[in-house]
């Protein structure tokens, strides 16, 4: 598959962190879609590039690396200060000239998209895919591995060497607003919660918690057989999400 061309950009967050980013135009300034990747992800990785390619058929796309990921500066705070990263990307989409801007977040990026819409109002729609409903979940083996990569020095070393992800030490202070509380602050911005019934990281209770606490307009899609985040997302699912965005913000 030939991927749509992406033009590199460098963003700067409100707290001064430089972010590696890209803009994939589609010839119209009607809709801009900002993609927020999951923990240890990158806009340069093939799964995210394929997602951007599909989304670019519906609108221009801004993709970026969160702090501490890939070529971005700083260290990952695993969903806390990343709200400033996504906010910088949304502002970049506005500066390009997109009249309407939607965010699509995956896993950690889904939690960030929910919190960004709550704390920095202004986006026109939010799609949270494979996201956690609350912090410190360790009920699955993959999430126990994630916490090892975050909390142990040798886990952080492995994340840096293997995935080019630099994780901050010291933990959160203060503890950021959890997604299931932040989601109640998004309305009237439309929200789509997407979760797979085969997600190995977060069980469906996380999606139900988000949906139940959200105000209208809201939708919940439980996708049969879908695993987790970018790596498991099919082109068909991304087209469905893009179609929801296009219908929602044009209504």
C-alpha atoms as a PDB file:
ATOM      1  CA  UNK A   1       0.000   0.000   0.000  1.00  0.00           C
ATOM      2  CA  UNK A   2       1.359   3.407  -1.009  1.00  0.00           C
ATOM      3  CA  UNK A   3       1.075   5.689   1.992  1.00  0.00           C
ATOM      4  CA  UNK A   4      -0.011   9.304   1.709  1.00  0.00           C
ATOM      5  CA  UNK A   5       2.912  11.755   1.842  1.00  0.00           C
ATOM      6  CA  UNK A   6       3.580  13.308   5.249  1.00  0.00           C
ATOM      7  CA  UNK A   7       5.339  16.631   5.692  1.00  0.00           C
ATOM      8  CA  UNK A   8       7.502  16.919   8.787  1.00  0.00           C
ATOM      9  CA  UNK A   9       6.916  19.555  11.454  1.00  0.00           C
ATOM     10  CA  UNK A  10       8.318  20.451  14.842  1.00  0.00           C
ATOM     11  CA  UNK A  11       5.856  21.506  17.549  1.00  0.00           C
ATOM     12  CA  UNK A  12       6.494  23.126  20.902  1.00  0.00           C
ATOM     13  CA  UNK A  13       4.262  22.521  23.896  1.00  0.00           C
ATOM     14  CA  UNK A  14       3.107  25.093  26.445  1.00  0.00           C
ATOM     15  CA  UNK A  15       5.840  23.837  28.810  1.00  0.00           C
ATOM     16  CA  UNK A  16       8.543  24.062  26.156  1.00  0.00           C
ATOM     17  CA  UNK A  17       8.938  20.465  24.947  1.00  0.00           C
ATOM     18  CA  UNK A  18       9.781  19.976  21.261  1.00  0.00           C
ATOM     19  CA  UNK A  19       7.680  17.349  19.488  1.00  0.00           C
ATOM     20  CA  UNK A  20       8.360  15.517  16.243  1.00  0.00           C
ATOM     21  CA  UNK A  21       5.245  15.742  14.075  1.00  0.00           C
ATOM     22  CA  UNK A  22       3.910  15.412  10.544  1.00  0.00           C
ATOM     23  CA  UNK A  23       1.085  16.839   8.479  1.00  0.00           C
ATOM     24  CA  UNK A  24      -0.654  14.693   5.868  1.00  0.00           C
ATOM     25  CA  UNK A  25      -2.954  16.940   3.802  1.00  0.00           C
ATOM     26  CA  UNK A  26      -5.826  15.747   1.666  1.00  0.00           C
ATOM     27  CA  UNK A  27      -6.544  18.889  -0.339  1.00  0.00           C
ATOM     28  CA  UNK A  28      -9.286  20.294   1.885  1.00  0.00           C
ATOM     29  CA  UNK A  29      -9.232  22.423   5.023  1.00  0.00           C
ATOM     30  CA  UNK A  30     -12.707  21.399   6.128  1.00  0.00           C
ATOM     31  CA  UNK A  31     -11.588  18.688   8.577  1.00  0.00           C
ATOM     32  CA  UNK A  32      -8.351  18.076  10.429  1.00  0.00           C
ATOM     33  CA  UNK A  33      -7.812  14.850  12.373  1.00  0.00           C
ATOM     34  CA  UNK A  34      -5.145  14.663  15.074  1.00  0.00           C
ATOM     35  CA  UNK A  35      -3.851  11.172  15.876  1.00  0.00           C
ATOM     36  CA  UNK A  36      -2.509  10.363  19.365  1.00  0.00           C
ATOM     37  CA  UNK A  37      -0.535   7.108  19.576  1.00  0.00           C
ATOM     38  CA  UNK A  38      -0.241   4.676  22.458  1.00  0.00           C
ATOM     39  CA  UNK A  39       2.588   4.183  24.957  1.00  0.00           C
ATOM     40  CA  UNK A  40       5.887   3.287  23.201  1.00  0.00           C
ATOM     41  CA  UNK A  41       4.299   4.155  19.838  1.00  0.00           C
ATOM     42  CA  UNK A  42       5.291   6.677  17.184  1.00  0.00           C
ATOM     43  CA  UNK A  43       3.749   8.376  14.183  1.00  0.00           C
ATOM     44  CA  UNK A  44       6.622   6.921  12.157  1.00  0.00           C
ATOM     45  CA  UNK A  45       5.728   3.285  12.885  1.00  0.00           C
ATOM     46  CA  UNK A  46       3.898   1.320  10.169  1.00  0.00           C
ATOM     47  CA  UNK A  47       0.623   0.740  12.117  1.00  0.00           C
ATOM     48  CA  UNK A  48       0.190   4.467  12.764  1.00  0.00           C
ATOM     49  CA  UNK A  49       1.214   5.396   9.231  1.00  0.00           C
ATOM     50  CA  UNK A  50      -1.426   3.024   7.852  1.00  0.00           C
ATOM     51  CA  UNK A  51      -4.038   4.584  10.130  1.00  0.00           C
ATOM     52  CA  UNK A  52      -3.050   8.072   8.961  1.00  0.00           C
ATOM     53  CA  UNK A  53      -3.292   6.907   5.351  1.00  0.00           C
ATOM     54  CA  UNK A  54      -6.899   5.765   5.818  1.00  0.00           C
ATOM     55  CA  UNK A  55      -7.895   8.858   7.795  1.00  0.00           C
ATOM     56  CA  UNK A  56      -6.379  11.140   5.150  1.00  0.00           C
ATOM     57  CA  UNK A  57      -9.134  10.112   2.752  1.00  0.00           C
ATOM     58  CA  UNK A  58     -11.578  11.909   5.041  1.00  0.00           C
ATOM     59  CA  UNK A  59      -9.511  14.904   6.167  1.00  0.00           C
ATOM     60  CA  UNK A  60      -6.031  16.251   6.645  1.00  0.00           C
ATOM     61  CA  UNK A  61      -4.118  14.502   9.429  1.00  0.00           C
ATOM     62  CA  UNK A  62      -1.667  15.781  12.029  1.00  0.00           C
ATOM     63  CA  UNK A  63       0.316  13.004  13.700  1.00  0.00           C
ATOM     64  CA  UNK A  64       3.062  13.406  16.259  1.00  0.00           C
ATOM     65  CA  UNK A  65       5.215  11.656  18.844  1.00  0.00           C
ATOM     66  CA  UNK A  66       4.401  12.249  22.489  1.00  0.00           C
ATOM     67  CA  UNK A  67       7.190  13.561  24.718  1.00  0.00           C
ATOM     68  CA  UNK A  68       9.818  10.936  25.443  1.00  0.00           C
ATOM     69  CA  UNK A  69       8.861   8.969  22.326  1.00  0.00           C
ATOM     70  CA  UNK A  70      10.823   8.605  19.108  1.00  0.00           C
ATOM     71  CA  UNK A  71      12.419  11.884  18.034  1.00  0.00           C
ATOM     72  CA  UNK A  72      10.445  14.083  20.424  1.00  0.00           C
ATOM     73  CA  UNK A  73      12.250  15.657  23.364  1.00  0.00           C
ATOM     74  CA  UNK A  74      11.453  15.234  27.045  1.00  0.00           C
ATOM     75  CA  UNK A  75      10.365  12.177  28.978  1.00  0.00           C
ATOM     76  CA  UNK A  76       7.081  10.327  28.990  1.00  0.00           C
ATOM     77  CA  UNK A  77       4.759  10.967  31.929  1.00  0.00           C
ATOM     78  CA  UNK A  78       2.478   8.165  30.677  1.00  0.00           C
ATOM     79  CA  UNK A  79      -0.638  10.246  30.110  1.00  0.00           C
ATOM     80  CA  UNK A  80      -0.241  13.253  32.420  1.00  0.00           C
ATOM     81  CA  UNK A  81       1.658  16.110  30.732  1.00  0.00           C
ATOM     82  CA  UNK A  82       0.951  14.496  27.371  1.00  0.00           C
ATOM     83  CA  UNK A  83      -2.255  16.542  27.447  1.00  0.00           C
ATOM     84  CA  UNK A  84      -0.025  19.519  26.561  1.00  0.00           C
ATOM     85  CA  UNK A  85       1.439  17.554  23.656  1.00  0.00           C
ATOM     86  CA  UNK A  86      -1.955  16.810  22.144  1.00  0.00           C
ATOM     87  CA  UNK A  87      -3.059  20.377  22.752  1.00  0.00           C
ATOM     88  CA  UNK A  88      -0.019  21.613  20.790  1.00  0.00           C
ATOM     89  CA  UNK A  89      -0.953  19.289  17.910  1.00  0.00           C
ATOM     90  CA  UNK A  90      -4.565  20.508  17.938  1.00  0.00           C
ATOM     91  CA  UNK A  91      -3.360  24.120  17.849  1.00  0.00           C
ATOM     92  CA  UNK A  92      -1.055  23.222  14.964  1.00  0.00           C
ATOM     93  CA  UNK A  93      -4.025  21.821  13.028  1.00  0.00           C
ATOM     94  CA  UNK A  94      -5.906  25.059  13.679  1.00  0.00           C
ATOM     95  CA  UNK A  95      -2.914  27.105  12.549  1.00  0.00           C
ATOM     96  CA  UNK A  96      -2.819  25.190   9.253  1.00  0.00           C
ATOM     97  CA  UNK A  97      -6.359  26.400   8.721  1.00  0.00           C
ATOM     98  CA  UNK A  98      -8.578  23.403   9.449  1.00  0.00           C
ATOM     99  CA  UNK A  99     -12.052  24.651  10.262  1.00  0.00           C
ATOM    100  CA  UNK A 100     -13.004  21.626  12.335  1.00  0.00           C
ATOM    101  CA  UNK A 101     -10.607  19.437  14.313  1.00  0.00           C
ATOM    102  CA  UNK A 102     -11.199  15.973  15.779  1.00  0.00           C
ATOM    103  CA  UNK A 103      -8.857  13.862  17.894  1.00  0.00           C
ATOM    104  CA  UNK A 104      -8.389  10.103  17.636  1.00  0.00           C
ATOM    105  CA  UNK A 105      -6.435   8.509  20.483  1.00  0.00           C
ATOM    106  CA  UNK A 106      -5.262   4.943  20.961  1.00  0.00           C
ATOM    107  CA  UNK A 107      -4.620   3.356  24.384  1.00  0.00           C
ATOM    108  CA  UNK A 108      -2.584   5.953  26.330  1.00  0.00           C
ATOM    109  CA  UNK A 109      -3.459   8.378  23.546  1.00  0.00           C
ATOM    110  CA  UNK A 110      -7.151   7.684  24.144  1.00  0.00           C
ATOM    111  CA  UNK A 111      -6.811   8.682  27.801  1.00  0.00           C
ATOM    112  CA  UNK A 112      -4.941  11.813  26.717  1.00  0.00           C
ATOM    113  CA  UNK A 113      -7.604  12.669  24.120  1.00  0.00           C
ATOM    114  CA  UNK A 114     -10.334  12.422  26.760  1.00  0.00           C
ATOM    115  CA  UNK A 115      -8.413  14.565  29.238  1.00  0.00           C
ATOM    116  CA  UNK A 116      -7.366  17.113  26.602  1.00  0.00           C
ATOM    117  CA  UNK A 117     -10.969  17.642  25.506  1.00  0.00           C
ATOM    118  CA  UNK A 118     -12.002  18.080  29.137  1.00  0.00           C
ATOM    119  CA  UNK A 119      -9.184  20.383  30.234  1.00  0.00           C
ATOM    120  CA  UNK A 120      -8.580  22.309  26.991  1.00  0.00           C
ATOM    121  CA  UNK A 121     -12.001  22.645  25.314  1.00  0.00           C
ATOM    122  CA  UNK A 122     -12.119  23.400  21.626  1.00  0.00           C
ATOM    123  CA  UNK A 123     -12.010  20.181  19.591  1.00  0.00           C
ATOM    124  CA  UNK A 124     -15.071  19.247  17.574  1.00  0.00           C
ATOM    125  CA  UNK A 125     -15.121  15.487  18.240  1.00  0.00           C
ATOM    126  CA  UNK A 126     -13.172  12.864  20.202  1.00  0.00           C
ATOM    127  CA  UNK A 127     -12.659   9.174  19.410  1.00  0.00           C
ATOM    128  CA  UNK A 128     -11.084   7.151  22.241  1.00  0.00           C
ATOM    129  CA  UNK A 129      -9.903   3.738  21.047  1.00  0.00           C
ATOM    130  CA  UNK A 130      -8.751   0.963  23.415  1.00  0.00           C
ATOM    131  CA  UNK A 131      -8.398   3.432  26.247  1.00  0.00           C
ATOM    132  CA  UNK A 132      -8.198   2.901  30.016  1.00  0.00           C
ATOM    133  CA  UNK A 133     -11.006   4.092  32.226  1.00  0.00           C
ATOM    134  CA  UNK A 134      -8.835   4.469  35.320  1.00  0.00           C
ATOM    135  CA  UNK A 135      -5.182   4.492  36.341  1.00  0.00           C
ATOM    136  CA  UNK A 136      -2.914   1.731  37.740  1.00  0.00           C
ATOM    137  CA  UNK A 137      -4.783  -1.175  36.223  1.00  0.00           C
ATOM    138  CA  UNK A 138      -2.745  -4.375  36.574  1.00  0.00           C
ATOM    139  CA  UNK A 139      -5.376  -7.016  35.937  1.00  0.00           C
ATOM    140  CA  UNK A 140      -3.827  -8.358  32.736  1.00  0.00           C
ATOM    141  CA  UNK A 141      -0.333  -9.633  31.979  1.00  0.00           C
ATOM    142  CA  UNK A 142       0.351  -6.971  29.306  1.00  0.00           C
ATOM    143  CA  UNK A 143      -0.515  -4.211  31.777  1.00  0.00           C
ATOM    144  CA  UNK A 144       1.745  -5.730  34.415  1.00  0.00           C
ATOM    145  CA  UNK A 145       4.516  -5.589  31.813  1.00  0.00           C
ATOM    146  CA  UNK A 146       3.702  -1.939  31.104  1.00  0.00           C
ATOM    147  CA  UNK A 147       3.971  -1.109  34.804  1.00  0.00           C
ATOM    148  CA  UNK A 148       7.314  -2.908  34.941  1.00  0.00           C
ATOM    149  CA  UNK A 149       8.531  -0.690  32.078  1.00  0.00           C
ATOM    150  CA  UNK A 150       7.313   2.414  33.912  1.00  0.00           C
ATOM    151  CA  UNK A 151       8.186   1.708  37.542  1.00  0.00           C
ATOM    152  CA  UNK A 152      11.441  -0.301  37.503  1.00  0.00           C
ATOM    153  CA  UNK A 153      14.781   1.109  36.417  1.00  0.00           C
ATOM    154  CA  UNK A 154      15.574  -1.937  34.299  1.00  0.00           C
ATOM    155  CA  UNK A 155      12.091  -1.704  32.738  1.00  0.00           C
ATOM    156  CA  UNK A 156      12.713   1.928  31.818  1.00  0.00           C
ATOM    157  CA  UNK A 157      16.084   0.941  30.390  1.00  0.00           C
ATOM    158  CA  UNK A 158      14.446  -1.721  28.238  1.00  0.00           C
ATOM    159  CA  UNK A 159      11.805   0.744  27.023  1.00  0.00           C
ATOM    160  CA  UNK A 160      14.530   3.209  26.039  1.00  0.00           C
ATOM    161  CA  UNK A 161      16.714   0.678  24.252  1.00  0.00           C
ATOM    162  CA  UNK A 162      14.013  -1.390  22.551  1.00  0.00           C
ATOM    163  CA  UNK A 163      11.255   1.154  21.894  1.00  0.00           C
ATOM    164  CA  UNK A 164      13.079   4.504  22.041  1.00  0.00           C
ATOM    165  CA  UNK A 165      10.750   5.561  24.852  1.00  0.00           C
ATOM    166  CA  UNK A 166      12.216   7.569  27.725  1.00  0.00           C
ATOM    167  CA  UNK A 167      10.085   7.430  30.850  1.00  0.00           C
ATOM    168  CA  UNK A 168      10.237  10.041  33.614  1.00  0.00           C
ATOM    169  CA  UNK A 169      11.023   8.897  37.144  1.00  0.00           C
ATOM    170  CA  UNK A 170       9.320   9.950  40.352  1.00  0.00           C
ATOM    171  CA  UNK A 171       5.685   9.262  39.550  1.00  0.00           C
ATOM    172  CA  UNK A 172       2.774  11.704  39.325  1.00  0.00           C
ATOM    173  CA  UNK A 173       2.458  14.692  41.658  1.00  0.00           C
ATOM    174  CA  UNK A 174      -0.363  15.560  41.741  1.00  0.00           C
ATOM    175  CA  UNK A 175      -2.240  12.556  40.382  1.00  0.00           C
ATOM    176  CA  UNK A 176      -3.962  13.586  37.130  1.00  0.00           C
ATOM    177  CA  UNK A 177      -7.707  13.432  36.721  1.00  0.00           C
ATOM    178  CA  UNK A 178      -8.590   9.855  35.683  1.00  0.00           C
ATOM    179  CA  UNK A 179     -10.288   9.380  32.313  1.00  0.00           C
ATOM    180  CA  UNK A 180     -13.605   8.182  33.795  1.00  0.00           C
ATOM    181  CA  UNK A 181     -13.908  11.502  35.662  1.00  0.00           C
ATOM    182  CA  UNK A 182     -12.567  13.693  32.869  1.00  0.00           C
ATOM    183  CA  UNK A 183     -15.001  12.209  30.358  1.00  0.00           C
ATOM    184  CA  UNK A 184     -17.956  13.797  32.156  1.00  0.00           C
ATOM    185  CA  UNK A 185     -16.508  17.227  31.299  1.00  0.00           C
ATOM    186  CA  UNK A 186     -16.420  16.720  27.505  1.00  0.00           C
ATOM    187  CA  UNK A 187     -20.107  17.204  26.674  1.00  0.00           C
ATOM    188  CA  UNK A 188     -21.419  18.714  24.421  1.00  0.00           C
ATOM    189  CA  UNK A 189     -18.391  17.680  22.331  1.00  0.00           C
ATOM    190  CA  UNK A 190     -19.302  14.363  20.638  1.00  0.00           C
ATOM    191  CA  UNK A 191     -17.488  11.327  22.025  1.00  0.00           C
ATOM    192  CA  UNK A 192     -16.934   7.899  20.485  1.00  0.00           C
ATOM    193  CA  UNK A 193     -15.611   5.085  22.684  1.00  0.00           C
ATOM    194  CA  UNK A 194     -14.245   2.097  20.720  1.00  0.00           C
ATOM    195  CA  UNK A 195     -13.079  -1.080  22.423  1.00  0.00           C
ATOM    196  CA  UNK A 196     -12.434  -4.644  21.365  1.00  0.00           C
ATOM    197  CA  UNK A 197     -13.909  -7.632  23.143  1.00  0.00           C
ATOM    198  CA  UNK A 198     -10.524  -9.335  22.657  1.00  0.00           C
ATOM    199  CA  UNK A 199      -8.420  -6.504  24.095  1.00  0.00           C
ATOM    200  CA  UNK A 200      -5.538  -8.150  26.006  1.00  0.00           C
ATOM    201  CA  UNK A 201      -4.662  -4.955  27.929  1.00  0.00           C
ATOM    202  CA  UNK A 202      -7.943  -3.453  29.168  1.00  0.00           C
ATOM    203  CA  UNK A 203     -11.175  -5.435  29.602  1.00  0.00           C
ATOM    204  CA  UNK A 204     -14.486  -4.000  28.458  1.00  0.00           C
ATOM    205  CA  UNK A 205     -15.223  -2.618  31.925  1.00  0.00           C
ATOM    206  CA  UNK A 206     -12.949   0.296  31.064  1.00  0.00           C
ATOM    207  CA  UNK A 207     -14.983   1.213  27.985  1.00  0.00           C
ATOM    208  CA  UNK A 208     -18.279   0.849  29.853  1.00  0.00           C
ATOM    209  CA  UNK A 209     -16.994   3.090  32.645  1.00  0.00           C
ATOM    210  CA  UNK A 210     -16.031   5.790  30.173  1.00  0.00           C
ATOM    211  CA  UNK A 211     -19.315   5.573  28.294  1.00  0.00           C
ATOM    212  CA  UNK A 212     -21.481   5.508  31.417  1.00  0.00           C
ATOM    213  CA  UNK A 213     -19.830   8.648  32.802  1.00  0.00           C
ATOM    214  CA  UNK A 214     -19.921  10.595  29.541  1.00  0.00           C
ATOM    215  CA  UNK A 215     -22.603  13.090  28.643  1.00  0.00           C
ATOM    216  CA  UNK A 216     -24.436  13.258  25.347  1.00  0.00           C
ATOM    217  CA  UNK A 217     -23.724  13.023  22.480  1.00  0.00           C
ATOM    218  CA  UNK A 218     -21.852   9.756  22.949  1.00  0.00           C
ATOM    219  CA  UNK A 219     -21.505   6.370  21.277  1.00  0.00           C
ATOM    220  CA  UNK A 220     -19.955   3.071  22.355  1.00  0.00           C
ATOM    221  CA  UNK A 221     -18.744   0.507  19.846  1.00  0.00           C
ATOM    222  CA  UNK A 222     -17.739  -2.914  21.132  1.00  0.00           C
ATOM    223  CA  UNK A 223     -15.831  -4.454  18.242  1.00  0.00           C
ATOM    224  CA  UNK A 224     -15.950  -8.286  18.042  1.00  0.00           C
ATOM    225  CA  UNK A 225     -12.504  -9.873  17.834  1.00  0.00           C
ATOM    226  CA  UNK A 226     -10.654  -6.552  17.987  1.00  0.00           C
ATOM    227  CA  UNK A 227      -7.501  -6.611  20.078  1.00  0.00           C
ATOM    228  CA  UNK A 228      -5.671  -3.498  21.196  1.00  0.00           C
ATOM    229  CA  UNK A 229      -4.950  -0.072  19.742  1.00  0.00           C
ATOM    230  CA  UNK A 230      -3.047   0.691  16.547  1.00  0.00           C
ATOM    231  CA  UNK A 231      -1.495  -2.719  15.898  1.00  0.00           C
ATOM    232  CA  UNK A 232      -4.874  -4.480  15.811  1.00  0.00           C
ATOM    233  CA  UNK A 233      -6.876  -1.769  14.040  1.00  0.00           C
ATOM    234  CA  UNK A 234      -8.047  -2.828  10.586  1.00  0.00           C
ATOM    235  CA  UNK A 235      -8.562  -0.385   7.717  1.00  0.00           C
ATOM    236  CA  UNK A 236     -12.282  -1.145   7.954  1.00  0.00           C
ATOM    237  CA  UNK A 237     -12.414  -0.050  11.596  1.00  0.00           C
ATOM    238  CA  UNK A 238     -10.456   3.138  10.884  1.00  0.00           C
ATOM    239  CA  UNK A 239     -12.801   3.947   8.001  1.00  0.00           C
ATOM    240  CA  UNK A 240     -15.761   3.477  10.339  1.00  0.00           C
ATOM    241  CA  UNK A 241     -14.223   5.838  12.884  1.00  0.00           C
ATOM    242  CA  UNK A 242     -13.441   8.413  10.196  1.00  0.00           C
ATOM    243  CA  UNK A 243     -16.994   8.112   8.876  1.00  0.00           C
ATOM    244  CA  UNK A 244     -18.354   8.732  12.374  1.00  0.00           C
ATOM    245  CA  UNK A 245     -16.216  11.859  12.668  1.00  0.00           C
ATOM    246  CA  UNK A 246     -17.332  13.171   9.283  1.00  0.00           C
ATOM    247  CA  UNK A 247     -21.027  12.546  10.024  1.00  0.00           C
ATOM    248  CA  UNK A 248     -20.862  13.877  13.564  1.00  0.00           C
ATOM    249  CA  UNK A 249     -19.203  17.196  12.924  1.00  0.00           C
ATOM    250  CA  UNK A 250     -21.152  17.900   9.729  1.00  0.00           C
ATOM    251  CA  UNK A 251     -24.508  17.490  11.463  1.00  0.00           C
END
